């Protein structure tokens, strides 16, 4: 009997270090359950588990169950979450510089953004790491379109329209006002009700999200101009990341980047398919002249530069864009 007890104790002593080394990362995202983004995060979770031999467990909480992006960042700050897949809107609560990628009509096309992003990534990574976060992957989520309750064809018609604005970002609210809109600050979880009651008339988002969240049922007119580009990143608290063995981390990053590239490749196709699917269900695409809309967007730039994005970084991104345009010509 004594030998059995000693043997059990020996086995327990061997198992204990393995259990102590297990790292659990709770990751939140607004990506709706079942969406492409959610499915890829689930795939990342499974592959991390396989690659680590079960020592790294990634728990994905989708659909805004952990609150809006600002709330998820706050939960990361206090350790309730260890990771988040968020857009530049949420990242702004960590560092303002990534928001430069989403400045209204800064980039004319996805190709322009895709050429600039790899050049800017190392600097963005360093900025987030200084704040205590490790970016695993960056990616373009798609072109922001304005989905509205009315068919606004010109900026003059849209002047004063009540547009959804993220809470916690007063600079962006001021920028919407400078462009000529009437921003209404809300939590993302209140959007559908607010569209239904008329509290807001427009919401800027990518078509795939609007389809998945069924927002087009309340905002059935899509203004056919690329208002901006939604860029996202998957980030993990540095202290949680450093609990993972150093030799394992590059393998997990490689998986994250591989899946991030998969999103980049598919996103244009998926957003185009989302528009087609919504049109079949009643969405009306409002064709417009992009020139006056661009002029409208640029009215917000003096506010964005300095109040939303640090002036020096805003200038750096714009200079990079201009240099790439000149080189292309």
Protein backbone atom coordinates (compact mmCIF):
# COMPACT_ATOMS: atom_id res chain seq x y z
CA UNK A 1 0.00 0.00 0.00
CA UNK A 2 2.83 2.35 0.91
CA UNK A 3 4.53 1.66 -2.44
CA UNK A 4 1.29 2.54 -4.30
CA UNK A 5 1.03 5.83 -2.43
CA UNK A 6 4.66 6.69 -3.23
CA UNK A 7 4.12 5.77 -6.90
CA UNK A 8 1.01 7.95 -7.09
CA UNK A 9 2.92 10.83 -5.51
CA UNK A 10 5.76 10.40 -8.00
CA UNK A 11 3.35 10.47 -10.94
CA UNK A 12 1.64 13.56 -9.52
CA UNK A 13 4.99 15.31 -9.13
CA UNK A 14 5.78 14.63 -12.79
CA UNK A 15 2.38 15.82 -13.98
CA UNK A 16 2.37 19.00 -11.90
CA UNK A 17 4.98 20.92 -13.96
CA UNK A 18 3.12 20.07 -17.17
CA UNK A 19 -0.11 21.44 -15.72
CA UNK A 20 1.64 24.56 -14.45
CA UNK A 21 3.00 25.27 -17.91
CA UNK A 22 -0.43 25.29 -19.52
CA UNK A 23 -1.33 28.79 -20.73
CA UNK A 24 -4.91 29.84 -21.33
CA UNK A 25 -5.61 32.91 -23.47
CA UNK A 26 -9.14 34.28 -23.42
CA UNK A 27 -9.68 36.29 -26.59
CA UNK A 28 -12.65 38.53 -27.35
CA UNK A 29 -13.93 39.82 -30.67
CA UNK A 30 -16.97 41.54 -32.14
CA UNK A 31 -16.88 39.11 -35.09
CA UNK A 32 -20.34 37.52 -35.19
CA UNK A 33 -20.65 33.85 -34.34
CA UNK A 34 -20.26 31.78 -37.49
CA UNK A 35 -18.71 34.62 -39.50
CA UNK A 36 -15.54 34.11 -41.55
CA UNK A 37 -13.46 35.94 -38.93
CA UNK A 38 -14.88 33.80 -36.12
CA UNK A 39 -14.26 30.56 -38.01
CA UNK A 40 -10.63 31.51 -38.66
CA UNK A 41 -10.10 32.34 -34.99
CA UNK A 42 -11.55 28.95 -34.08
CA UNK A 43 -9.14 27.35 -36.55
CA UNK A 44 -6.27 29.26 -34.95
CA UNK A 45 -7.38 27.97 -31.54
CA UNK A 46 -7.37 24.36 -32.72
CA UNK A 47 -4.01 24.63 -34.47
CA UNK A 48 -2.40 26.34 -31.47
CA UNK A 49 -3.63 23.48 -29.31
CA UNK A 50 -2.21 20.87 -31.69
CA UNK A 51 1.11 22.66 -32.19
CA UNK A 52 1.62 23.19 -28.46
CA UNK A 53 0.58 19.67 -27.49
CA UNK A 54 -2.31 21.13 -25.54
CA UNK A 55 -0.17 23.50 -23.47
CA UNK A 56 -1.66 26.65 -25.07
CA UNK A 57 -5.43 26.95 -24.99
CA UNK A 58 -7.05 29.80 -26.93
CA UNK A 59 -10.64 30.48 -25.89
CA UNK A 60 -12.52 32.65 -28.40
CA UNK A 61 -15.47 34.76 -27.21
CA UNK A 62 -17.20 36.08 -30.34
CA UNK A 63 -20.21 38.23 -31.11
CA UNK A 64 -19.44 41.00 -28.63
CA UNK A 65 -20.09 38.77 -25.60
CA UNK A 66 -17.15 40.55 -23.91
CA UNK A 67 -18.55 43.99 -24.73
CA UNK A 68 -17.59 46.47 -27.43
CA UNK A 69 -13.98 46.92 -28.54
CA UNK A 70 -13.23 49.54 -25.91
CA UNK A 71 -14.60 47.30 -23.17
CA UNK A 72 -12.51 44.38 -24.43
CA UNK A 73 -9.37 46.52 -24.32
CA UNK A 74 -10.23 47.56 -20.77
CA UNK A 75 -10.74 43.91 -19.81
CA UNK A 76 -7.32 43.13 -21.27
CA UNK A 77 -5.79 45.92 -19.21
CA UNK A 78 -6.99 44.32 -15.96
CA UNK A 79 -6.33 40.73 -17.06
CA UNK A 80 -9.93 39.55 -17.53
CA UNK A 81 -9.01 38.92 -21.16
CA UNK A 82 -5.55 38.09 -22.44
CA UNK A 83 -6.23 38.77 -26.11
CA UNK A 84 -8.54 40.49 -28.58
CA UNK A 85 -9.13 40.57 -32.31
CA UNK A 86 -10.09 44.20 -32.83
CA UNK A 87 -10.06 46.96 -35.39
CA UNK A 88 -8.22 50.26 -35.24
CA UNK A 89 -11.22 51.54 -33.27
CA UNK A 90 -10.33 49.34 -30.30
CA UNK A 91 -6.59 49.69 -30.83
CA UNK A 92 -6.99 53.46 -30.44
CA UNK A 93 -7.44 52.86 -26.70
CA UNK A 94 -3.92 51.38 -26.65
CA UNK A 95 -2.18 53.57 -29.22
CA UNK A 96 -3.59 56.20 -31.57
CA UNK A 97 -1.22 55.61 -34.51
CA UNK A 98 -3.01 52.59 -36.09
CA UNK A 99 -6.07 54.77 -36.70
CA UNK A 100 -4.07 56.53 -39.46
CA UNK A 101 -4.79 53.49 -41.63
CA UNK A 102 -8.53 54.15 -41.40
CA UNK A 103 -8.56 57.91 -42.11
CA UNK A 104 -11.56 58.65 -44.37
CA UNK A 105 -10.52 58.33 -48.03
CA UNK A 106 -6.80 58.38 -47.21
CA UNK A 107 -6.37 55.35 -49.50
CA UNK A 108 -8.23 55.14 -52.78
CA UNK A 109 -8.05 51.37 -53.07
CA UNK A 110 -7.26 48.17 -51.24
CA UNK A 111 -4.07 47.92 -53.31
CA UNK A 112 -2.83 51.26 -51.91
CA UNK A 113 -3.46 50.11 -48.35
CA UNK A 114 -1.88 46.69 -48.97
CA UNK A 115 1.32 48.32 -50.25
CA UNK A 116 1.56 50.64 -47.25
CA UNK A 117 0.65 48.26 -44.42
CA UNK A 118 3.76 45.99 -44.51
CA UNK A 119 6.00 49.07 -44.42
CA UNK A 120 4.19 50.50 -41.41
CA UNK A 121 3.75 47.22 -39.50
CA UNK A 122 7.17 47.15 -37.73
CA UNK A 123 6.61 50.63 -36.30
CA UNK A 124 3.04 49.78 -35.26
CA UNK A 125 4.25 46.54 -33.64
CA UNK A 126 6.86 48.44 -31.65
CA UNK A 127 4.31 51.02 -30.46
CA UNK A 128 1.95 48.32 -29.17
CA UNK A 129 4.76 46.33 -27.55
CA UNK A 130 5.80 49.41 -25.58
CA UNK A 131 2.26 49.47 -24.20
CA UNK A 132 2.48 45.82 -23.12
CA UNK A 133 0.79 44.09 -26.06
CA UNK A 134 2.09 41.69 -28.70
CA UNK A 135 0.49 42.03 -32.17
CA UNK A 136 0.24 38.61 -33.82
CA UNK A 137 -1.15 39.66 -37.18
CA UNK A 138 -2.48 42.70 -39.06
CA UNK A 139 -4.98 42.66 -41.88
CA UNK A 140 -7.42 44.63 -43.99
CA UNK A 141 -11.02 43.77 -43.13
CA UNK A 142 -12.48 45.66 -46.06
CA UNK A 143 -13.75 48.96 -47.37
CA UNK A 144 -16.03 50.92 -45.06
CA UNK A 145 -19.34 51.75 -46.69
CA UNK A 146 -22.05 53.99 -45.31
CA UNK A 147 -25.27 52.03 -44.78
CA UNK A 148 -28.15 54.44 -44.26
CA UNK A 149 -31.89 54.55 -43.71
CA UNK A 150 -32.21 57.05 -46.62
CA UNK A 151 -30.70 57.07 -50.15
CA UNK A 152 -28.24 59.96 -49.77
CA UNK A 153 -26.75 60.69 -53.21
CA UNK A 154 -24.67 63.76 -52.41
CA UNK A 155 -22.89 65.19 -49.38
CA UNK A 156 -25.46 67.99 -49.40
CA UNK A 157 -28.26 65.45 -48.92
CA UNK A 158 -26.27 63.69 -46.20
CA UNK A 159 -25.44 66.92 -44.34
CA UNK A 160 -26.55 66.59 -40.75
CA UNK A 161 -27.33 62.88 -41.05
CA UNK A 162 -27.16 61.09 -37.71
CA UNK A 163 -24.22 58.70 -37.96
CA UNK A 164 -23.11 56.07 -35.47
CA UNK A 165 -19.94 57.03 -33.58
CA UNK A 166 -17.95 54.80 -31.26
CA UNK A 167 -18.01 55.76 -27.60
CA UNK A 168 -14.72 56.68 -25.98
CA UNK A 169 -13.24 58.56 -28.94
CA UNK A 170 -14.16 62.27 -28.74
CA UNK A 171 -11.68 63.18 -31.49
CA UNK A 172 -13.51 60.98 -33.99
CA UNK A 173 -16.82 62.54 -32.95
CA UNK A 174 -15.37 65.97 -33.72
CA UNK A 175 -14.06 64.66 -37.07
CA UNK A 176 -17.52 63.42 -38.09
CA UNK A 177 -18.91 66.87 -37.27
CA UNK A 178 -16.19 68.54 -39.34
CA UNK A 179 -17.17 66.36 -42.31
CA UNK A 180 -20.77 67.55 -41.99
CA UNK A 181 -22.46 64.67 -40.15
CA UNK A 182 -24.28 64.60 -36.84
CA UNK A 183 -22.48 61.88 -34.83
CA UNK A 184 -24.40 59.94 -32.19
CA UNK A 185 -22.22 58.14 -29.66
CA UNK A 186 -23.44 54.63 -28.89
CA UNK A 187 -22.27 51.20 -27.83
CA UNK A 188 -22.07 48.81 -30.79
CA UNK A 189 -24.64 46.60 -29.07
CA UNK A 190 -27.25 49.39 -29.40
CA UNK A 191 -26.93 49.88 -33.17
CA UNK A 192 -29.89 47.81 -34.38
CA UNK A 193 -32.32 49.38 -31.89
CA UNK A 194 -31.02 52.88 -32.70
CA UNK A 195 -31.48 52.36 -36.45
CA UNK A 196 -35.00 51.12 -35.82
CA UNK A 197 -35.98 54.08 -33.65
CA UNK A 198 -34.31 56.70 -35.86
CA UNK A 199 -31.70 57.64 -33.27
CA UNK A 200 -29.12 57.06 -36.01
CA UNK A 201 -29.50 57.11 -39.79
CA UNK A 202 -26.14 55.79 -41.00
CA UNK A 203 -23.54 53.31 -39.87
CA UNK A 204 -20.08 52.90 -41.42
CA UNK A 205 -18.95 49.29 -41.65
CA UNK A 206 -17.79 46.59 -44.05
CA UNK A 207 -20.47 44.74 -46.08
CA UNK A 208 -19.67 41.29 -44.69
CA UNK A 209 -20.22 42.45 -41.11
CA UNK A 210 -23.41 44.30 -42.08
CA UNK A 211 -24.75 41.13 -43.73
CA UNK A 212 -23.79 38.84 -40.84
CA UNK A 213 -25.25 41.19 -38.23
CA UNK A 214 -28.33 41.83 -40.43
CA UNK A 215 -27.88 45.61 -40.09
CA UNK A 216 -28.98 46.17 -43.71
CA UNK A 217 -32.53 45.24 -42.72
CA UNK A 218 -32.68 48.53 -40.79
CA UNK A 219 -30.29 50.52 -43.03
CA UNK A 220 -31.21 49.34 -46.56
CA UNK A 221 -29.27 51.94 -48.61
CA UNK A 222 -25.53 51.55 -49.22
CA UNK A 223 -23.70 54.68 -50.42
CA UNK A 224 -21.35 53.29 -53.08
CA UNK A 225 -18.16 55.04 -52.04
CA UNK A 226 -15.26 53.62 -50.05
CA UNK A 227 -15.39 55.90 -47.01
CA UNK A 228 -12.30 54.31 -45.53
CA UNK A 229 -10.58 51.00 -44.88
CA UNK A 230 -11.13 48.95 -41.78
CA UNK A 231 -7.89 47.46 -40.52
CA UNK A 232 -7.66 45.01 -37.66
CA UNK A 233 -5.11 43.21 -35.52
CA UNK A 234 -5.04 40.26 -33.17
CA UNK A 235 -3.18 41.25 -30.01
CA UNK A 236 -2.21 39.45 -26.80
CA UNK A 237 -1.06 40.81 -23.46
CA UNK A 238 2.72 40.64 -23.34
CA UNK A 239 2.82 39.07 -19.88
CA UNK A 240 0.48 36.27 -21.00
CA UNK A 241 2.44 35.75 -24.22
CA UNK A 242 5.73 35.44 -22.36
CA UNK A 243 4.33 32.55 -20.30
CA UNK A 244 4.47 30.51 -23.51
CA UNK A 245 7.88 28.84 -24.06
CA UNK A 246 10.09 31.06 -26.24
CA UNK A 247 10.73 28.33 -28.82
CA UNK A 248 6.97 27.81 -29.29
CA UNK A 249 5.97 31.46 -29.81
CA UNK A 250 7.29 31.80 -33.41
CA UNK A 251 5.25 28.74 -34.45
CA UNK A 252 2.07 30.23 -33.02
CA UNK A 253 2.77 33.61 -34.67
CA UNK A 254 3.32 31.83 -38.01
CA UNK A 255 -0.12 30.21 -37.71
CA UNK A 256 -1.73 33.55 -36.86
CA UNK A 257 -0.06 35.27 -39.82
CA UNK A 258 -1.00 32.45 -42.19
CA UNK A 259 -4.65 32.75 -41.24
CA UNK A 260 -4.41 36.54 -41.38
CA UNK A 261 -3.19 36.32 -44.99
CA UNK A 262 -6.09 34.00 -45.72
CA UNK A 263 -8.47 36.73 -44.57
CA UNK A 264 -6.68 39.31 -46.75
CA UNK A 265 -7.01 37.09 -49.83
CA UNK A 266 -10.67 36.30 -49.26
CA UNK A 267 -11.95 39.59 -47.88
CA UNK A 268 -12.58 41.39 -51.19
CA UNK A 269 -14.44 38.38 -52.56
CA UNK A 270 -16.43 37.92 -49.38
CA UNK A 271 -17.46 41.58 -49.19
CA UNK A 272 -18.51 41.58 -52.86
CA UNK A 273 -20.55 38.43 -52.25
CA UNK A 274 -22.08 40.05 -49.16
CA UNK A 275 -23.29 43.03 -51.20
CA UNK A 276 -24.81 40.70 -53.81
CA UNK A 277 -26.52 38.66 -51.08
CA UNK A 278 -27.94 41.78 -49.43
CA UNK A 279 -29.19 43.12 -52.77
CA UNK A 280 -31.21 39.94 -53.20
CA UNK A 281 -32.74 40.65 -49.80
CA UNK A 282 -33.67 44.28 -50.45
CA UNK A 283 -30.48 46.34 -50.16
CA UNK A 284 -30.31 49.28 -52.60
CA UNK A 285 -26.86 50.37 -53.79
CA UNK A 286 -26.83 54.16 -54.25
CA UNK A 287 -24.42 55.08 -57.08
CA UNK A 288 -22.66 58.39 -56.45
CA UNK A 289 -19.94 60.63 -57.79
CA UNK A 290 -16.97 59.92 -55.44
CA UNK A 291 -15.30 63.32 -55.96
CA UNK A 292 -17.59 65.43 -53.72
CA UNK A 293 -17.64 62.65 -51.12
CA UNK A 294 -13.84 62.71 -51.05
CA UNK A 295 -13.94 66.47 -50.51
CA UNK A 296 -16.43 65.92 -47.69
CA UNK A 297 -14.15 63.33 -46.04
CA UNK A 298 -11.09 65.56 -46.29
CA UNK A 299 -12.87 68.23 -44.25
CA UNK A 300 -12.29 65.91 -41.29
CA UNK A 301 -8.53 65.63 -41.85
CA UNK A 302 -7.47 68.77 -39.90
CA UNK A 303 -9.26 67.31 -36.87
CA UNK A 304 -8.03 63.74 -37.40
CA UNK A 305 -4.46 65.00 -37.73
CA UNK A 306 -3.49 65.78 -34.16
CA UNK A 307 -6.70 64.97 -32.28
CA UNK A 308 -7.30 61.40 -33.47
CA UNK A 309 -3.90 60.44 -34.90
CA UNK A 310 -0.58 62.01 -33.83
CA UNK A 311 0.27 64.64 -36.43
CA UNK A 312 3.73 63.21 -37.18
CA UNK A 313 2.37 59.73 -37.90
CA UNK A 314 -0.52 61.11 -39.97
CA UNK A 315 2.03 62.98 -42.09
CA UNK A 316 4.20 59.86 -42.39
CA UNK A 317 1.32 57.75 -43.68
CA UNK A 318 0.19 60.43 -46.13
CA UNK A 319 3.77 60.91 -47.39
CA UNK A 320 4.14 57.16 -47.89
CA UNK A 321 0.87 57.05 -49.82
CA UNK A 322 1.89 60.00 -52.01
CA UNK A 323 5.32 58.49 -52.70
CA UNK A 324 3.76 55.20 -53.76
CA UNK A 325 1.33 57.00 -56.05
CA UNK A 326 4.19 58.93 -57.63
CA UNK A 327 6.22 55.74 -58.08
CA UNK A 328 3.26 54.00 -59.71
CA UNK A 329 2.86 56.82 -62.20
